[in-house]
Structure formats: C-alpha cells, structure tokens
Amino acid sequence: MVRVVDVETAAGGARVHWYETGGGREPRAVLALGHGAGGGVEARDLRALAAALPADGVSVALVEQPWRVAGKKVAPAPKTLDVGWRGVWPELAAAGAPVVAGGRSAGARVACRTATELGALAVLALSFPLHPPGKPERSRAAELTGTGVPTLVVQGAKDPFGRPEEFPRDDGFELIEVPHGDHGFAVPKRADLTQDEALTVLTAGVRQWMPRIGT
C-alpha cells in the first residue's frame, strides 16, 4: 500500500509517495527518486524500482515536484527544482535510515547537484541527460562527476540524451546499460528482449549495487 505525504516547500507543495518495507521492518535505506521534466512518478523505471526494492529492506520514496503537484505542464528552472527537492529532504531523512538520492532525467540532475549538501549516501541517476539531443557539445558531465558520493548511472543504449559510450569512464561512477532502451527505457518490439526484461536489467543492477554502498 502506498502512503502519500504532502510536504510544503519554498517552491510550493510537493508530494512524497512512500513504498515502504512493510511487516513492521525498519528500512535499512531509503531510495528517494525524483521524476523528469516531461512526466511524473508514474514513469516505468520509477514504478519498477518502487515495486522491487522494498523486498530488500529498502523503502522507496517517489518525490513529486511542486510544479507537477500544481498541475503545470512545464518544469521550472533547475534552481527551482533544487529548492523543491531540498524542501522534501527532512521527510525523507525522518525514516531514520541512510538516504540514496536519485531520479530520472531532470530528477537525476537535481540529485547530483544536491547530494553532498544534503548528506546523501549515494546517487542513482536514471537516464541522465548528458546533453540535449543532437548537441553533445553542451555536456552536463560535470554535474554527474561532481556528486562527491558513490554514483550509479543506468542508461538506455539508444538514449538520445546520451548513449552509454558517450559517458566518461574514469570519473568514479558506475554505469549499467539497458539494451535497446530509449530515454524512458522503452524498447522496440523487434528487440531481442521484452520490455519487462529490460526493466529487470535496471532493477537487478540497482539491487546488486545497493549493498556495495553500505545499505
């Protein structure tokens, strides 16, 4: 059962959707995930992790940014997204377990920019937008390499915002490739794996990584 908590922030009202360990167990970690600029917490990768991780003793918090809660169609500037994320952090930390900051696309950028400041244990970057499509010269690699904490990137092989081979490989982060995946980890019907199998690559990779960062 999902527990929904409304949180007031300096950027407006945010919402945290808690997928908890259940059974009276205290979580050994919290995985907090923000959504992208083009969608919300219903994204397939966020929902897949929310379904898989509680069985491992990890509570998952899907964070809905104020602009999305307010029903707006366009995301605000990055600094405003950071304000909203900072505002929900006390709710995330109140679970009493280490918090892994993460998100998909724009949400991954927020997690990277604020990880050290907020005391995140690590960062999970899903579909990190390394550059705008077709503009590799406008790299955002500095956000990714500057987290200051252990970082895992999960990237679709066909992501126009940055294919796995475009990422620097010697800057202290790990990378998992989802075969055939686009920016939303969708795979074509002709691919040699199903959509469910592609999501399993993602969730299995994250589940294997979590214990290595001390959770």
Protein backbone atom coordinates (compact mmCIF):
# COMPACT_ATOMS: atom_id res chain seq x y z
CA MET A 1 0.00 0.00 0.00
CA VAL A 2 1.30 3.44 -0.93
CA ARG A 3 1.47 6.13 1.74
CA VAL A 4 1.22 9.66 0.33
CA VAL A 5 2.58 12.63 2.28
CA ASP A 6 2.13 16.27 1.26
CA VAL A 7 5.13 18.46 2.05
CA GLU A 8 5.24 22.24 1.87
CA THR A 9 8.45 23.63 0.35
CA ALA A 10 9.72 27.07 -0.59
CA ALA A 11 8.81 26.17 -4.20
CA GLY A 12 5.26 25.11 -3.32
CA GLY A 13 3.52 21.95 -2.20
CA ALA A 14 5.36 18.72 -3.05
CA ARG A 15 4.18 15.15 -2.58
CA VAL A 16 6.05 12.02 -1.46
CA HIS A 17 4.71 8.60 -2.46
CA TRP A 18 6.11 6.07 0.01
CA TYR A 19 6.58 2.41 -0.95
CA GLU A 20 7.69 1.01 2.38
CA THR A 21 9.28 -2.23 3.53
CA GLY A 22 6.18 -3.33 5.44
CA GLY A 23 5.78 -6.03 8.05
CA GLY A 24 6.92 -3.69 10.78
CA ARG A 25 10.51 -3.80 9.47
CA GLU A 26 12.67 -0.72 9.74
CA PRO A 27 14.24 0.14 6.37
CA ARG A 28 17.98 -0.28 6.00
CA ALA A 29 17.93 2.55 3.47
CA VAL A 30 15.62 4.97 1.68
CA LEU A 31 15.83 5.37 -2.08
CA ALA A 32 14.39 8.77 -2.98
CA LEU A 33 13.56 9.24 -6.66
CA GLY A 34 12.54 12.41 -8.45
CA HIS A 35 10.79 12.43 -11.83
CA GLY A 36 11.77 14.03 -15.09
CA ALA A 37 10.71 17.28 -16.74
CA GLY A 38 8.38 15.52 -19.15
CA GLY A 39 6.49 13.25 -16.77
CA GLY A 40 5.76 12.28 -13.20
CA VAL A 41 6.16 9.49 -10.70
CA GLU A 42 4.24 7.11 -12.97
CA ALA A 43 7.37 6.58 -15.12
CA ARG A 44 8.05 2.89 -15.77
CA ASP A 45 11.53 2.88 -14.24
CA LEU A 46 10.44 4.63 -11.04
CA ARG A 47 7.50 2.27 -10.59
CA ALA A 48 9.65 -0.78 -11.28
CA LEU A 49 12.10 0.19 -8.53
CA ALA A 50 9.26 1.04 -6.14
CA ALA A 51 7.88 -2.46 -6.68
CA ALA A 52 11.21 -4.29 -6.34
CA LEU A 53 13.27 -2.61 -3.60
CA PRO A 54 11.00 -2.88 -0.51
CA ALA A 55 11.52 -6.66 -0.53
CA ASP A 56 15.22 -5.94 0.05
CA GLY A 57 14.54 -3.77 3.08
CA VAL A 58 14.75 -0.51 1.13
CA SER A 59 11.86 1.95 1.32
CA VAL A 60 11.31 3.85 -1.93
CA ALA A 61 10.07 7.44 -1.91
CA LEU A 62 8.84 8.80 -5.24
CA VAL A 63 9.03 12.57 -4.99
CA GLU A 64 6.52 14.64 -6.95
CA GLN A 65 7.85 18.14 -7.51
CA PRO A 66 5.64 21.18 -6.70
CA TRP A 67 5.14 22.14 -10.34
CA ARG A 68 3.75 18.71 -11.07
CA VAL A 69 1.51 18.69 -7.98
CA ALA A 70 0.14 22.07 -9.09
CA GLY A 71 -0.83 20.62 -12.48
CA LYS A 72 1.60 22.69 -14.54
CA LYS A 73 2.83 21.28 -17.82
CA VAL A 74 6.28 22.86 -17.95
CA ALA A 75 9.03 22.29 -15.39
CA PRO A 76 10.64 25.36 -13.81
CA ALA A 77 14.32 26.30 -13.87
CA PRO A 78 16.84 23.86 -12.36
CA LYS A 79 17.42 26.03 -9.30
CA THR A 80 13.68 25.88 -8.51
CA LEU A 81 13.72 22.10 -8.84
CA ASP A 82 16.59 22.04 -6.35
CA VAL A 83 14.54 24.15 -3.92
CA GLY A 84 11.65 21.69 -4.08
CA TRP A 85 13.98 18.73 -3.54
CA ARG A 86 15.64 20.37 -0.54
CA GLY A 87 12.22 21.01 0.94
CA VAL A 88 11.24 17.34 0.97
CA TRP A 89 14.56 16.11 2.34
CA PRO A 90 13.52 16.29 6.03
CA GLU A 91 10.58 13.97 5.23
CA LEU A 92 12.96 11.53 3.55
CA ALA A 93 15.52 11.63 6.36
CA ALA A 94 12.84 11.20 9.04
CA ALA A 95 12.66 7.49 8.22
CA GLY A 96 15.87 7.17 10.22
CA ALA A 97 17.84 5.35 7.51
CA PRO A 98 20.56 6.48 5.08
CA VAL A 99 19.07 8.18 2.02
CA VAL A 100 20.19 7.42 -1.51
CA ALA A 101 19.24 10.38 -3.69
CA GLY A 102 18.13 9.65 -7.22
CA GLY A 103 15.79 10.30 -10.06
CA ARG A 104 15.30 10.07 -13.76
CA SER A 105 16.47 12.69 -16.29
CA ALA A 106 15.97 16.15 -14.74
CA GLY A 107 15.39 14.44 -11.40
CA ALA A 108 18.78 12.76 -11.70
CA ARG A 109 20.41 16.15 -12.27
CA VAL A 110 18.76 17.51 -9.12
CA ALA A 111 20.03 14.55 -7.09
CA CYS A 112 23.56 15.03 -8.44
CA ARG A 113 23.66 18.77 -7.74
CA THR A 114 22.46 18.49 -4.14
CA ALA A 115 23.89 15.15 -2.95
CA THR A 116 26.82 16.42 -0.89
CA GLU A 117 24.92 19.40 0.50
CA LEU A 118 22.06 17.23 1.79
CA GLY A 119 24.19 14.35 3.04
CA ALA A 120 23.02 11.69 0.60
CA LEU A 121 24.72 8.33 0.96
CA ALA A 122 24.91 7.87 -2.82
CA VAL A 123 23.24 8.89 -6.09
CA LEU A 124 21.22 6.80 -8.54
CA ALA A 125 20.98 8.56 -11.91
CA LEU A 126 18.40 7.06 -14.27
CA SER A 127 18.55 8.25 -17.90
CA PHE A 128 20.97 11.03 -17.01
CA PRO A 129 20.60 13.73 -19.71
CA LEU A 130 24.29 14.07 -20.55
CA HIS A 131 23.45 16.59 -23.27
CA PRO A 132 20.43 17.84 -25.23
CA PRO A 133 19.64 15.54 -28.18
CA GLY A 134 22.00 16.19 -31.07
CA LYS A 135 24.13 18.64 -29.07
CA PRO A 136 26.96 16.68 -27.43
CA GLU A 137 28.99 19.87 -27.07
CA ARG A 138 26.56 21.01 -24.35
CA SER A 139 27.74 18.43 -21.85
CA ARG A 140 26.39 18.17 -18.30
CA ALA A 141 29.04 15.65 -17.26
CA ALA A 142 30.32 17.97 -14.52
CA GLU A 143 27.06 17.52 -12.58
CA LEU A 144 27.45 13.77 -12.72
CA THR A 145 31.12 13.62 -11.87
CA GLY A 146 30.80 16.20 -9.11
CA THR A 147 28.36 14.39 -6.81
CA GLY A 148 31.05 13.63 -4.23
CA VAL A 149 29.39 10.30 -3.36
CA PRO A 150 29.16 6.83 -4.95
CA THR A 151 27.08 7.16 -8.11
CA LEU A 152 25.35 4.66 -10.38
CA VAL A 153 24.09 5.61 -13.84
CA VAL A 154 21.51 3.41 -15.58
CA GLN A 155 21.27 4.41 -19.23
CA GLY A 156 19.40 3.13 -22.25
CA ALA A 157 21.62 2.03 -25.12
CA LYS A 158 19.68 4.24 -27.54
CA ASP A 159 19.11 7.27 -25.30
CA PRO A 160 19.36 10.44 -27.48
CA PHE A 161 20.28 12.45 -24.37
CA GLY A 162 23.49 10.43 -24.07
CA ARG A 163 24.33 6.88 -25.08
CA PRO A 164 26.42 4.81 -22.67
CA GLU A 165 29.54 5.05 -24.82
CA GLU A 166 29.44 8.85 -24.58
CA PHE A 167 29.90 8.88 -20.81
CA PRO A 168 33.37 9.35 -19.32
CA ARG A 169 34.54 6.05 -17.85
CA ASP A 170 37.23 7.13 -15.38
CA ASP A 171 35.40 9.54 -13.11
CA GLY A 172 34.35 7.38 -10.19
CA PHE A 173 30.83 6.34 -11.18
CA GLU A 174 29.42 3.03 -12.35
CA LEU A 175 27.24 2.59 -15.42
CA ILE A 176 24.68 -0.07 -16.34
CA GLU A 177 23.44 -0.23 -19.93
CA VAL A 178 19.86 -1.26 -20.70
CA PRO A 179 19.95 -2.86 -24.18
CA HIS A 180 17.86 -1.10 -26.85
CA GLY A 181 16.41 1.32 -24.26
CA ASP A 182 15.49 4.91 -25.13
CA HIS A 183 15.30 7.83 -22.68
CA GLY A 184 12.28 6.24 -20.99
CA PHE A 185 13.80 2.73 -21.14
CA ALA A 186 11.25 1.72 -23.75
CA VAL A 187 12.48 -1.00 -26.11
CA PRO A 188 11.19 -1.68 -29.63
CA LYS A 189 9.01 -4.71 -30.24
CA ARG A 190 11.62 -6.18 -32.57
CA ALA A 191 14.29 -6.13 -29.84
CA ASP A 192 15.77 -9.37 -28.53
CA LEU A 193 14.38 -8.71 -25.06
CA THR A 194 10.94 -7.73 -23.83
CA GLN A 195 10.00 -4.55 -22.01
CA ASP A 196 9.75 -6.47 -18.75
CA GLU A 197 13.19 -7.98 -19.30
CA ALA A 198 14.65 -4.52 -19.93
CA LEU A 199 13.24 -3.28 -16.64
CA THR A 200 14.64 -6.35 -14.92
CA VAL A 201 18.13 -5.36 -16.14
CA LEU A 202 17.55 -2.00 -14.42
CA THR A 203 16.13 -3.29 -11.14
CA ALA A 204 18.62 -6.16 -10.82
CA GLY A 205 21.51 -3.78 -11.37
CA VAL A 206 20.28 -1.40 -8.69
CA ARG A 207 19.61 -4.24 -6.25
CA GLN A 208 23.17 -5.50 -6.70
CA TRP A 209 24.63 -2.01 -6.28
CA MET A 210 22.79 -1.04 -3.10
CA PRO A 211 24.67 -3.46 -0.77
CA ARG A 212 28.01 -2.27 -2.17
CA ILE A 213 27.36 1.27 -0.93
CA GLY A 214 26.69 0.13 2.61
CA THR A 215 22.92 -0.35 2.63
